[in-house]
Amino acid sequence: DEIATVGSIYFMDTDQDIDMLGGEFRWDPPNDTSEVDFYVGYFTLATGTAYGSRRFEFEVAGQLNFYNMPFQTPQSGYNYFSIYTKSSLAEQTTPNSI
């Protein structure tokens, strides 16, 4: 599971409103992407597997390593953002977070 974890997540918030986000997420794909069909992003309250509450934000095809978050996306009290890989069978249980 951990061998499919993304690395080096980058996000630049270009939305200048308080508690609103917008901009581009980028990440390094895992070394082995043979089973990666999608990347899934969530707002989370904590990092890692003890994320507590989470809110779905995106799912993009496995050949992409970026997501453009629309401006005026509410942060809603979430402090972290986690990206999981997803195969045709299941979503990864060990994400990377920023």
PDB file of N, CA and C in Angstrom:
ATOM      1  N   ASP A   1       0.822  -1.199   0.000  1.00  0.00           N
ATOM      2  CA  ASP A   1       0.000   0.000   0.000  1.00  0.00           C
ATOM      3  C   ASP A   1       0.862   1.257   0.000  1.00  0.00           C
ATOM      4  N   GLU A   2       1.901   1.295   0.849  1.00  0.00           N
ATOM      5  CA  GLU A   2       2.736   2.488   0.944  1.00  0.00           C
ATOM      6  C   GLU A   2       3.598   2.708  -0.286  1.00  0.00           C
ATOM      7  N   ILE A   3       3.879   1.663  -1.059  1.00  0.00           N
ATOM      8  CA  ILE A   3       4.704   1.852  -2.253  1.00  0.00           C
ATOM      9  C   ILE A   3       3.960   2.638  -3.328  1.00  0.00           C
ATOM     10  N   ALA A   4       2.645   2.751  -3.196  1.00  0.00           N
ATOM     11  CA  ALA A   4       1.851   3.512  -4.160  1.00  0.00           C
ATOM     12  C   ALA A   4       1.534   4.919  -3.664  1.00  0.00           C
ATOM     13  N   THR A   5       2.230   5.388  -2.633  1.00  0.00           N
ATOM     14  CA  THR A   5       1.965   6.713  -2.075  1.00  0.00           C
ATOM     15  C   THR A   5       2.596   7.803  -2.945  1.00  0.00           C
ATOM     16  N   VAL A   6       1.845   8.870  -3.188  1.00  0.00           N
ATOM     17  CA  VAL A   6       2.395   9.998  -3.941  1.00  0.00           C
ATOM     18  C   VAL A   6       3.426  10.725  -3.089  1.00  0.00           C
ATOM     19  N   GLY A   7       4.280  11.494  -3.728  1.00  0.00           N
ATOM     20  CA  GLY A   7       5.291  12.248  -2.995  1.00  0.00           C
ATOM     21  C   GLY A   7       5.266  13.714  -3.360  1.00  0.00           C
ATOM     22  N   SER A   8       5.919  14.512  -2.545  1.00  0.00           N
ATOM     23  CA  SER A   8       6.144  15.934  -2.807  1.00  0.00           C
ATOM     24  C   SER A   8       4.909  16.669  -3.308  1.00  0.00           C
ATOM     25  N   ILE A   9       3.875  16.718  -2.492  1.00  0.00           N
ATOM     26  CA  ILE A   9       2.666  17.456  -2.862  1.00  0.00           C
ATOM     27  C   ILE A   9       2.962  18.955  -2.778  1.00  0.00           C
ATOM     28  N   TYR A  10       2.527  19.671  -3.778  1.00  0.00           N
ATOM     29  CA  TYR A  10       2.722  21.113  -3.851  1.00  0.00           C
ATOM     30  C   TYR A  10       1.370  21.771  -4.112  1.00  0.00           C
ATOM     31  N   PHE A  11       1.086  22.858  -3.388  1.00  0.00           N
ATOM     32  CA  PHE A  11      -0.118  23.637  -3.644  1.00  0.00           C
ATOM     33  C   PHE A  11       0.171  25.100  -3.421  1.00  0.00           C
ATOM     34  N   MET A  12      -0.221  25.916  -4.378  1.00  0.00           N
ATOM     35  CA  MET A  12      -0.098  27.364  -4.267  1.00  0.00           C
ATOM     36  C   MET A  12      -1.501  27.942  -4.303  1.00  0.00           C
ATOM     37  N   ASP A  13      -1.947  28.479  -3.164  1.00  0.00           N
ATOM     38  CA  ASP A  13      -3.276  29.077  -3.079  1.00  0.00           C
ATOM     39  C   ASP A  13      -3.230  30.452  -3.727  1.00  0.00           C
ATOM     40  N   THR A  14      -3.941  30.616  -4.829  1.00  0.00           N
ATOM     41  CA  THR A  14      -3.972  31.900  -5.523  1.00  0.00           C
ATOM     42  C   THR A  14      -5.302  32.623  -5.344  1.00  0.00           C
ATOM     43  N   ASP A  15      -6.199  32.049  -4.544  1.00  0.00           N
ATOM     44  CA  ASP A  15      -7.456  32.727  -4.195  1.00  0.00           C
ATOM     45  C   ASP A  15      -7.162  33.593  -2.973  1.00  0.00           C
ATOM     46  N   GLN A  16      -7.407  34.868  -3.059  1.00  0.00           N
ATOM     47  CA  GLN A  16      -7.013  35.788  -1.991  1.00  0.00           C
ATOM     48  C   GLN A  16      -8.079  36.018  -0.933  1.00  0.00           C
ATOM     49  N   ASP A  17      -9.197  35.331  -1.026  1.00  0.00           N
ATOM     50  CA  ASP A  17     -10.247  35.469  -0.013  1.00  0.00           C
ATOM     51  C   ASP A  17      -9.931  34.609   1.202  1.00  0.00           C
ATOM     52  N   ILE A  18     -10.269  35.109   2.388  1.00  0.00           N
ATOM     53  CA  ILE A  18     -10.066  34.361   3.625  1.00  0.00           C
ATOM     54  C   ILE A  18     -10.965  33.131   3.621  1.00  0.00           C
ATOM     55  N   ASP A  19     -10.414  31.994   4.039  1.00  0.00           N
ATOM     56  CA  ASP A  19     -11.125  30.714   4.124  1.00  0.00           C
ATOM     57  C   ASP A  19     -11.629  30.201   2.778  1.00  0.00           C
ATOM     58  N   MET A  20     -11.100  30.732   1.686  1.00  0.00           N
ATOM     59  CA  MET A  20     -11.402  30.222   0.346  1.00  0.00           C
ATOM     60  C   MET A  20     -10.084  29.844  -0.308  1.00  0.00           C
ATOM     61  N   LEU A  21     -10.113  28.751  -1.055  1.00  0.00           N
ATOM     62  CA  LEU A  21      -8.912  28.271  -1.716  1.00  0.00           C
ATOM     63  C   LEU A  21      -9.133  28.192  -3.217  1.00  0.00           C
ATOM     64  N   GLY A  22      -8.061  28.185  -3.947  1.00  0.00           N
ATOM     65  CA  GLY A  22      -8.085  27.995  -5.382  1.00  0.00           C
ATOM     66  C   GLY A  22      -6.663  27.985  -5.905  1.00  0.00           C
ATOM     67  N   GLY A  23      -6.381  27.122  -6.854  1.00  0.00           N
ATOM     68  CA  GLY A  23      -5.035  27.032  -7.407  1.00  0.00           C
ATOM     69  C   GLY A  23      -4.719  25.612  -7.817  1.00  0.00           C
ATOM     70  N   GLU A  24      -3.455  25.383  -8.119  1.00  0.00           N
ATOM     71  CA  GLU A  24      -3.054  24.083  -8.662  1.00  0.00           C
ATOM     72  C   GLU A  24      -2.340  23.213  -7.633  1.00  0.00           C
ATOM     73  N   PHE A  25      -2.802  21.971  -7.522  1.00  0.00           N
ATOM     74  CA  PHE A  25      -2.098  20.926  -6.779  1.00  0.00           C
ATOM     75  C   PHE A  25      -1.226  20.173  -7.769  1.00  0.00           C
ATOM     76  N   ARG A  26      -0.015  19.837  -7.354  1.00  0.00           N
ATOM     77  CA  ARG A  26       0.867  18.957  -8.119  1.00  0.00           C
ATOM     78  C   ARG A  26       1.484  17.965  -7.146  1.00  0.00           C
ATOM     79  N   TRP A  27       1.827  16.791  -7.638  1.00  0.00           N
ATOM     80  CA  TRP A  27       2.475  15.777  -6.808  1.00  0.00           C
ATOM     81  C   TRP A  27       3.346  14.902  -7.686  1.00  0.00           C
ATOM     82  N   ASP A  28       4.312  14.242  -7.033  1.00  0.00           N
ATOM     83  CA  ASP A  28       5.137  13.257  -7.724  1.00  0.00           C
ATOM     84  C   ASP A  28       4.413  11.926  -7.683  1.00  0.00           C
ATOM     85  N   PRO A  29       4.270  11.261  -8.828  1.00  0.00           N
ATOM     86  CA  PRO A  29       3.628   9.953  -8.824  1.00  0.00           C
ATOM     87  C   PRO A  29       4.485   8.939  -8.061  1.00  0.00           C
ATOM     88  N   PRO A  30       3.880   7.861  -7.576  1.00  0.00           N
ATOM     89  CA  PRO A  30       4.679   6.817  -6.933  1.00  0.00           C
ATOM     90  C   PRO A  30       5.637   6.186  -7.947  1.00  0.00           C
ATOM     91  N   ASN A  31       6.664   5.508  -7.460  1.00  0.00           N
ATOM     92  CA  ASN A  31       7.624   4.851  -8.359  1.00  0.00           C
ATOM     93  C   ASN A  31       6.946   3.810  -9.240  1.00  0.00           C
ATOM     94  N   ASP A  32       6.009   3.085  -8.684  1.00  0.00           N
ATOM     95  CA  ASP A  32       5.286   2.054  -9.441  1.00  0.00           C
ATOM     96  C   ASP A  32       3.845   2.513  -9.622  1.00  0.00           C
ATOM     97  N   THR A  33       3.484   2.872 -10.838  1.00  0.00           N
ATOM     98  CA  THR A  33       2.123   3.335 -11.116  1.00  0.00           C
ATOM     99  C   THR A  33       1.306   2.290 -11.874  1.00  0.00           C
ATOM    100  N   SER A  34       1.801   1.062 -11.936  1.00  0.00           N
ATOM    101  CA  SER A  34       1.126   0.024 -12.733  1.00  0.00           C
ATOM    102  C   SER A  34      -0.294  -0.268 -12.252  1.00  0.00           C
ATOM    103  N   GLU A  35      -0.572  -0.062 -10.975  1.00  0.00           N
ATOM    104  CA  GLU A  35      -1.905  -0.329 -10.436  1.00  0.00           C
ATOM    105  C   GLU A  35      -2.687   0.940 -10.108  1.00  0.00           C
ATOM    106  N   VAL A  36      -2.139   2.103 -10.444  1.00  0.00           N
ATOM    107  CA  VAL A  36      -2.794   3.377 -10.126  1.00  0.00           C
ATOM    108  C   VAL A  36      -3.740   3.754 -11.260  1.00  0.00           C
ATOM    109  N   ASP A  37      -5.030   3.726 -10.979  1.00  0.00           N
ATOM    110  CA  ASP A  37      -6.033   4.133 -11.966  1.00  0.00           C
ATOM    111  C   ASP A  37      -6.469   5.580 -11.759  1.00  0.00           C
ATOM    112  N   PHE A  38      -6.469   6.031 -10.491  1.00  0.00           N
ATOM    113  CA  PHE A  38      -6.915   7.378 -10.154  1.00  0.00           C
ATOM    114  C   PHE A  38      -6.117   7.920  -8.985  1.00  0.00           C
ATOM    115  N   TYR A  39      -6.109   9.245  -8.863  1.00  0.00           N
ATOM    116  CA  TYR A  39      -5.670   9.932  -7.648  1.00  0.00           C
ATOM    117  C   TYR A  39      -6.904  10.601  -7.069  1.00  0.00           C
ATOM    118  N   VAL A  40      -7.070  10.488  -5.755  1.00  0.00           N
ATOM    119  CA  VAL A  40      -8.254  11.025  -5.087  1.00  0.00           C
ATOM    120  C   VAL A  40      -7.795  11.991  -3.995  1.00  0.00           C
ATOM    121  N   GLY A  41      -8.381  13.192  -3.972  1.00  0.00           N
ATOM    122  CA  GLY A  41      -7.996  14.212  -3.001  1.00  0.00           C
ATOM    123  C   GLY A  41      -9.120  14.532  -2.037  1.00  0.00           C
ATOM    124  N   TYR A  42      -8.755  14.696  -0.771  1.00  0.00           N
ATOM    125  CA  TYR A  42      -9.703  15.024   0.292  1.00  0.00           C
ATOM    126  C   TYR A  42      -9.147  16.139   1.166  1.00  0.00           C
ATOM    127  N   PHE A  43     -10.019  17.009   1.641  1.00  0.00           N
ATOM    128  CA  PHE A  43      -9.696  17.865   2.768  1.00  0.00           C
ATOM    129  C   PHE A  43      -9.802  16.991   4.010  1.00  0.00           C
ATOM    130  N   THR A  44      -8.852  17.127   4.950  1.00  0.00           N
ATOM    131  CA  THR A  44      -8.860  16.310   6.159  1.00  0.00           C
ATOM    132  C   THR A  44      -8.552  17.164   7.387  1.00  0.00           C
ATOM    133  N   LEU A  45      -8.894  16.628   8.558  1.00  0.00           N
ATOM    134  CA  LEU A  45      -8.610  17.321   9.816  1.00  0.00           C
ATOM    135  C   LEU A  45      -7.234  16.980  10.365  1.00  0.00           C
ATOM    136  N   ALA A  46      -6.662  15.856   9.929  1.00  0.00           N
ATOM    137  CA  ALA A  46      -5.342  15.428  10.382  1.00  0.00           C
ATOM    138  C   ALA A  46      -4.653  14.708   9.229  1.00  0.00           C
ATOM    139  N   THR A  47      -3.371  14.415   9.385  1.00  0.00           N
ATOM    140  CA  THR A  47      -2.625  13.734   8.335  1.00  0.00           C
ATOM    141  C   THR A  47      -2.638  12.228   8.541  1.00  0.00           C
ATOM    142  N   GLY A  48      -2.260  11.499   7.504  1.00  0.00           N
ATOM    143  CA  GLY A  48      -2.119  10.052   7.598  1.00  0.00           C
ATOM    144  C   GLY A  48      -3.440   9.332   7.709  1.00  0.00           C
ATOM    145  N   THR A  49      -3.407   8.164   8.330  1.00  0.00           N
ATOM    146  CA  THR A  49      -4.594   7.322   8.413  1.00  0.00           C
ATOM    147  C   THR A  49      -5.557   7.764   9.506  1.00  0.00           C
ATOM    148  N   ALA A  50      -5.120   8.638  10.415  1.00  0.00           N
ATOM    149  CA  ALA A  50      -5.994   9.137  11.486  1.00  0.00           C
ATOM    150  C   ALA A  50      -6.577  10.485  11.078  1.00  0.00           C
ATOM    151  N   TYR A  51      -7.160  10.545   9.891  1.00  0.00           N
ATOM    152  CA  TYR A  51      -7.594  11.812   9.322  1.00  0.00           C
ATOM    153  C   TYR A  51      -8.860  12.371   9.948  1.00  0.00           C
ATOM    154  N   GLY A  52      -9.603  11.588  10.708  1.00  0.00           N
ATOM    155  CA  GLY A  52     -10.863  12.067  11.275  1.00  0.00           C
ATOM    156  C   GLY A  52     -11.861  12.319  10.167  1.00  0.00           C
ATOM    157  N   SER A  53     -12.544  13.411  10.244  1.00  0.00           N
ATOM    158  CA  SER A  53     -13.500  13.776   9.206  1.00  0.00           C
ATOM    159  C   SER A  53     -12.747  14.179   7.937  1.00  0.00           C
ATOM    160  N   ARG A  54     -13.326  13.853   6.789  1.00  0.00           N
ATOM    161  CA  ARG A  54     -12.727  14.280   5.534  1.00  0.00           C
ATOM    162  C   ARG A  54     -13.815  14.657   4.536  1.00  0.00           C
ATOM    163  N   ARG A  55     -13.440  15.499   3.566  1.00  0.00           N
ATOM    164  CA  ARG A  55     -14.385  15.945   2.544  1.00  0.00           C
ATOM    165  C   ARG A  55     -13.771  15.715   1.169  1.00  0.00           C
ATOM    166  N   PHE A  56     -14.484  14.982   0.335  1.00  0.00           N
ATOM    167  CA  PHE A  56     -14.011  14.697  -1.022  1.00  0.00           C
ATOM    168  C   PHE A  56     -13.847  15.984  -1.811  1.00  0.00           C
ATOM    169  N   GLU A  57     -12.743  16.085  -2.568  1.00  0.00           N
ATOM    170  CA  GLU A  57     -12.530  17.240  -3.438  1.00  0.00           C
ATOM    171  C   GLU A  57     -12.364  16.840  -4.903  1.00  0.00           C
ATOM    172  N   PHE A  58     -11.568  15.802  -5.195  1.00  0.00           N
ATOM    173  CA  PHE A  58     -11.371  15.455  -6.600  1.00  0.00           C
ATOM    174  C   PHE A  58     -10.981  14.002  -6.799  1.00  0.00           C
ATOM    175  N   GLU A  59     -11.175  13.543  -8.039  1.00  0.00           N
ATOM    176  CA  GLU A  59     -10.651  12.276  -8.515  1.00  0.00           C
ATOM    177  C   GLU A  59     -10.194  12.520  -9.944  1.00  0.00           C
ATOM    178  N   VAL A  60      -8.903  12.288 -10.217  1.00  0.00           N
ATOM    179  CA  VAL A  60      -8.363  12.484 -11.559  1.00  0.00           C
ATOM    180  C   VAL A  60      -7.722  11.195 -12.046  1.00  0.00           C
ATOM    181  N   ALA A  61      -7.605  11.068 -13.352  1.00  0.00           N
ATOM    182  CA  ALA A  61      -7.033   9.870 -13.971  1.00  0.00           C
ATOM    183  C   ALA A  61      -5.590   9.649 -13.517  1.00  0.00           C
ATOM    184  N   GLY A  62      -5.204   8.399 -13.450  1.00  0.00           N
ATOM    185  CA  GLY A  62      -3.887   8.012 -12.954  1.00  0.00           C
ATOM    186  C   GLY A  62      -2.717   8.507 -13.776  1.00  0.00           C
ATOM    187  N   GLN A  63      -2.933   8.899 -15.026  1.00  0.00           N
ATOM    188  CA  GLN A  63      -1.816   9.416 -15.821  1.00  0.00           C
ATOM    189  C   GLN A  63      -1.561  10.904 -15.572  1.00  0.00           C
ATOM    190  N   LEU A  64      -2.408  11.547 -14.773  1.00  0.00           N
ATOM    191  CA  LEU A  64      -2.224  12.958 -14.433  1.00  0.00           C
ATOM    192  C   LEU A  64      -1.547  13.090 -13.071  1.00  0.00           C
ATOM    193  N   ASN A  65      -0.826  14.168 -12.855  1.00  0.00           N
ATOM    194  CA  ASN A  65      -0.253  14.429 -11.528  1.00  0.00           C
ATOM    195  C   ASN A  65      -0.532  15.859 -11.099  1.00  0.00           C
ATOM    196  N   PHE A  66      -1.726  16.360 -11.456  1.00  0.00           N
ATOM    197  CA  PHE A  66      -2.118  17.704 -11.035  1.00  0.00           C
ATOM    198  C   PHE A  66      -3.638  17.796 -10.985  1.00  0.00           C
ATOM    199  N   TYR A  67      -4.099  18.801 -10.249  1.00  0.00           N
ATOM    200  CA  TYR A  67      -5.521  19.116 -10.159  1.00  0.00           C
ATOM    201  C   TYR A  67      -5.649  20.620  -9.968  1.00  0.00           C
ATOM    202  N   ASN A  68      -6.505  21.253 -10.752  1.00  0.00           N
ATOM    203  CA  ASN A  68      -6.766  22.679 -10.616  1.00  0.00           C
ATOM    204  C   ASN A  68      -8.005  22.881  -9.756  1.00  0.00           C
ATOM    205  N   MET A  69      -7.776  23.300  -8.509  1.00  0.00           N
ATOM    206  CA  MET A  69      -8.888  23.565  -7.607  1.00  0.00           C
ATOM    207  C   MET A  69      -9.557  24.876  -8.006  1.00  0.00           C
ATOM    208  N   PRO A  70     -10.881  24.855  -8.191  1.00  0.00           N
ATOM    209  CA  PRO A  70     -11.572  26.088  -8.573  1.00  0.00           C
ATOM    210  C   PRO A  70     -11.461  27.159  -7.484  1.00  0.00           C
ATOM    211  N   PHE A  71     -11.403  28.413  -7.914  1.00  0.00           N
ATOM    212  CA  PHE A  71     -11.433  29.514  -6.955  1.00  0.00           C
ATOM    213  C   PHE A  71     -12.739  29.471  -6.166  1.00  0.00           C
ATOM    214  N   GLN A  72     -12.719  30.047  -4.985  1.00  0.00           N
ATOM    215  CA  GLN A  72     -13.874  30.105  -4.086  1.00  0.00           C
ATOM    216  C   GLN A  72     -14.241  28.729  -3.516  1.00  0.00           C
ATOM    217  N   THR A  73     -13.273  27.810  -3.439  1.00  0.00           N
ATOM    218  CA  THR A  73     -13.503  26.523  -2.779  1.00  0.00           C
ATOM    219  C   THR A  73     -13.377  26.750  -1.278  1.00  0.00           C
ATOM    220  N   PRO A  74     -14.437  26.501  -0.499  1.00  0.00           N
ATOM    221  CA  PRO A  74     -14.374  26.768   0.943  1.00  0.00           C
ATOM    222  C   PRO A  74     -13.445  25.795   1.674  1.00  0.00           C
ATOM    223  N   GLN A  75     -12.623  26.341   2.555  1.00  0.00           N
ATOM    224  CA  GLN A  75     -11.722  25.512   3.361  1.00  0.00           C
ATOM    225  C   GLN A  75     -12.487  24.803   4.477  1.00  0.00           C
ATOM    226  N   SER A  76     -13.531  25.431   4.984  1.00  0.00           N
ATOM    227  CA  SER A  76     -14.459  24.836   5.957  1.00  0.00           C
ATOM    228  C   SER A  76     -13.789  24.240   7.181  1.00  0.00           C
ATOM    229  N   GLY A  77     -12.720  24.855   7.674  1.00  0.00           N
ATOM    230  CA  GLY A  77     -12.087  24.406   8.911  1.00  0.00           C
ATOM    231  C   GLY A  77     -11.117  23.251   8.755  1.00  0.00           C
ATOM    232  N   TYR A  78     -10.975  22.707   7.553  1.00  0.00           N
ATOM    233  CA  TYR A  78     -10.009  21.625   7.347  1.00  0.00           C
ATOM    234  C   TYR A  78      -8.605  22.211   7.275  1.00  0.00           C
ATOM    235  N   ASN A  79      -7.640  21.528   7.919  1.00  0.00           N
ATOM    236  CA  ASN A  79      -6.273  22.027   7.987  1.00  0.00           C
ATOM    237  C   ASN A  79      -5.318  21.341   7.021  1.00  0.00           C
ATOM    238  N   TYR A  80      -5.705  20.192   6.496  1.00  0.00           N
ATOM    239  CA  TYR A  80      -4.807  19.401   5.656  1.00  0.00           C
ATOM    240  C   TYR A  80      -5.510  18.970   4.386  1.00  0.00           C
ATOM    241  N   PHE A  81      -4.679  18.536   3.437  1.00  0.00           N
ATOM    242  CA  PHE A  81      -5.194  17.975   2.206  1.00  0.00           C
ATOM    243  C   PHE A  81      -4.443  16.680   1.959  1.00  0.00           C
ATOM    244  N   SER A  82      -5.171  15.590   1.720  1.00  0.00           N
ATOM    245  CA  SER A  82      -4.565  14.270   1.515  1.00  0.00           C
ATOM    246  C   SER A  82      -4.868  13.761   0.122  1.00  0.00           C
ATOM    247  N   ILE A  83      -3.859  13.128  -0.483  1.00  0.00           N
ATOM    248  CA  ILE A  83      -4.024  12.521  -1.799  1.00  0.00           C
ATOM    249  C   ILE A  83      -3.759  11.028  -1.687  1.00  0.00           C
ATOM    250  N   TYR A  84      -4.737  10.263  -2.138  1.00  0.00           N
ATOM    251  CA  TYR A  84      -4.682   8.804  -2.141  1.00  0.00           C
ATOM    252  C   TYR A  84      -4.551   8.311  -3.571  1.00  0.00           C
ATOM    253  N   THR A  85      -3.950   7.143  -3.758  1.00  0.00           N
ATOM    254  CA  THR A  85      -4.030   6.472  -5.043  1.00  0.00           C
ATOM    255  C   THR A  85      -5.201   5.499  -4.981  1.00  0.00           C
ATOM    256  N   LYS A  86      -5.740   5.170  -6.158  1.00  0.00           N
ATOM    257  CA  LYS A  86      -6.884   4.267  -6.222  1.00  0.00           C
ATOM    258  C   LYS A  86      -6.690   3.325  -7.402  1.00  0.00           C
ATOM    259  N   SER A  87      -6.837   2.036  -7.133  1.00  0.00           N
ATOM    260  CA  SER A  87      -6.753   1.031  -8.198  1.00  0.00           C
ATOM    261  C   SER A  87      -8.162   0.642  -8.607  1.00  0.00           C
ATOM    262  N   SER A  88      -8.270  -0.308  -9.491  1.00  0.00           N
ATOM    263  CA  SER A  88      -9.591  -0.786  -9.892  1.00  0.00           C
ATOM    264  C   SER A  88     -10.270  -1.549  -8.757  1.00  0.00           C
ATOM    265  N   LEU A  89      -9.506  -1.944  -7.738  1.00  0.00           N
ATOM    266  CA  LEU A  89     -10.057  -2.727  -6.632  1.00  0.00           C
ATOM    267  C   LEU A  89     -10.399  -1.895  -5.398  1.00  0.00           C
ATOM    268  N   ALA A  90      -9.527  -0.953  -5.037  1.00  0.00           N
ATOM    269  CA  ALA A  90      -9.742  -0.231  -3.774  1.00  0.00           C
ATOM    270  C   ALA A  90      -8.930   1.046  -3.717  1.00  0.00           C
ATOM    271  N   GLU A  91      -9.327   1.922  -2.784  1.00  0.00           N
ATOM    272  CA  GLU A  91      -8.567   3.131  -2.500  1.00  0.00           C
ATOM    273  C   GLU A  91      -7.481   2.809  -1.494  1.00  0.00           C
ATOM    274  N   GLN A  92      -6.339   3.408  -1.675  1.00  0.00           N
ATOM    275  CA  GLN A  92      -5.199   3.233  -0.783  1.00  0.00           C
ATOM    276  C   GLN A  92      -5.574   3.654   0.641  1.00  0.00           C
ATOM    277  N   THR A  93      -4.925   3.066   1.623  1.00  0.00           N
ATOM    278  CA  THR A  93      -5.197   3.428   3.020  1.00  0.00           C
ATOM    279  C   THR A  93      -4.107   4.326   3.607  1.00  0.00           C
ATOM    280  N   THR A  94      -3.001   4.540   2.876  1.00  0.00           N
ATOM    281  CA  THR A  94      -1.888   5.337   3.367  1.00  0.00           C
ATOM    282  C   THR A  94      -1.636   6.505   2.417  1.00  0.00           C
ATOM    283  N   PRO A  95      -2.260   7.667   2.661  1.00  0.00           N
ATOM    284  CA  PRO A  95      -2.092   8.809   1.753  1.00  0.00           C
ATOM    285  C   PRO A  95      -0.838   9.617   2.094  1.00  0.00           C
ATOM    286  N   ASN A  96      -0.576  10.587   1.268  1.00  0.00           N
ATOM    287  CA  ASN A  96       0.381  11.642   1.604  1.00  0.00           C
ATOM    288  C   ASN A  96      -0.439  12.909   1.811  1.00  0.00           C
ATOM    289  N   SER A  97      -0.005  13.750   2.735  1.00  0.00           N
ATOM    290  CA  SER A  97      -0.791  14.938   3.089  1.00  0.00           C
ATOM    291  C   SER A  97       0.084  16.172   3.173  1.00  0.00           C
ATOM    292  N   ILE A  98      -0.563  17.331   2.968  1.00  0.00           N
ATOM    293  CA  ILE A  98       0.086  18.616   3.212  1.00  0.00           C
ATOM    294  C   ILE A  98      -0.835  19.432   4.087  1.00  0.00           C
TER     295      ILE A  98
END
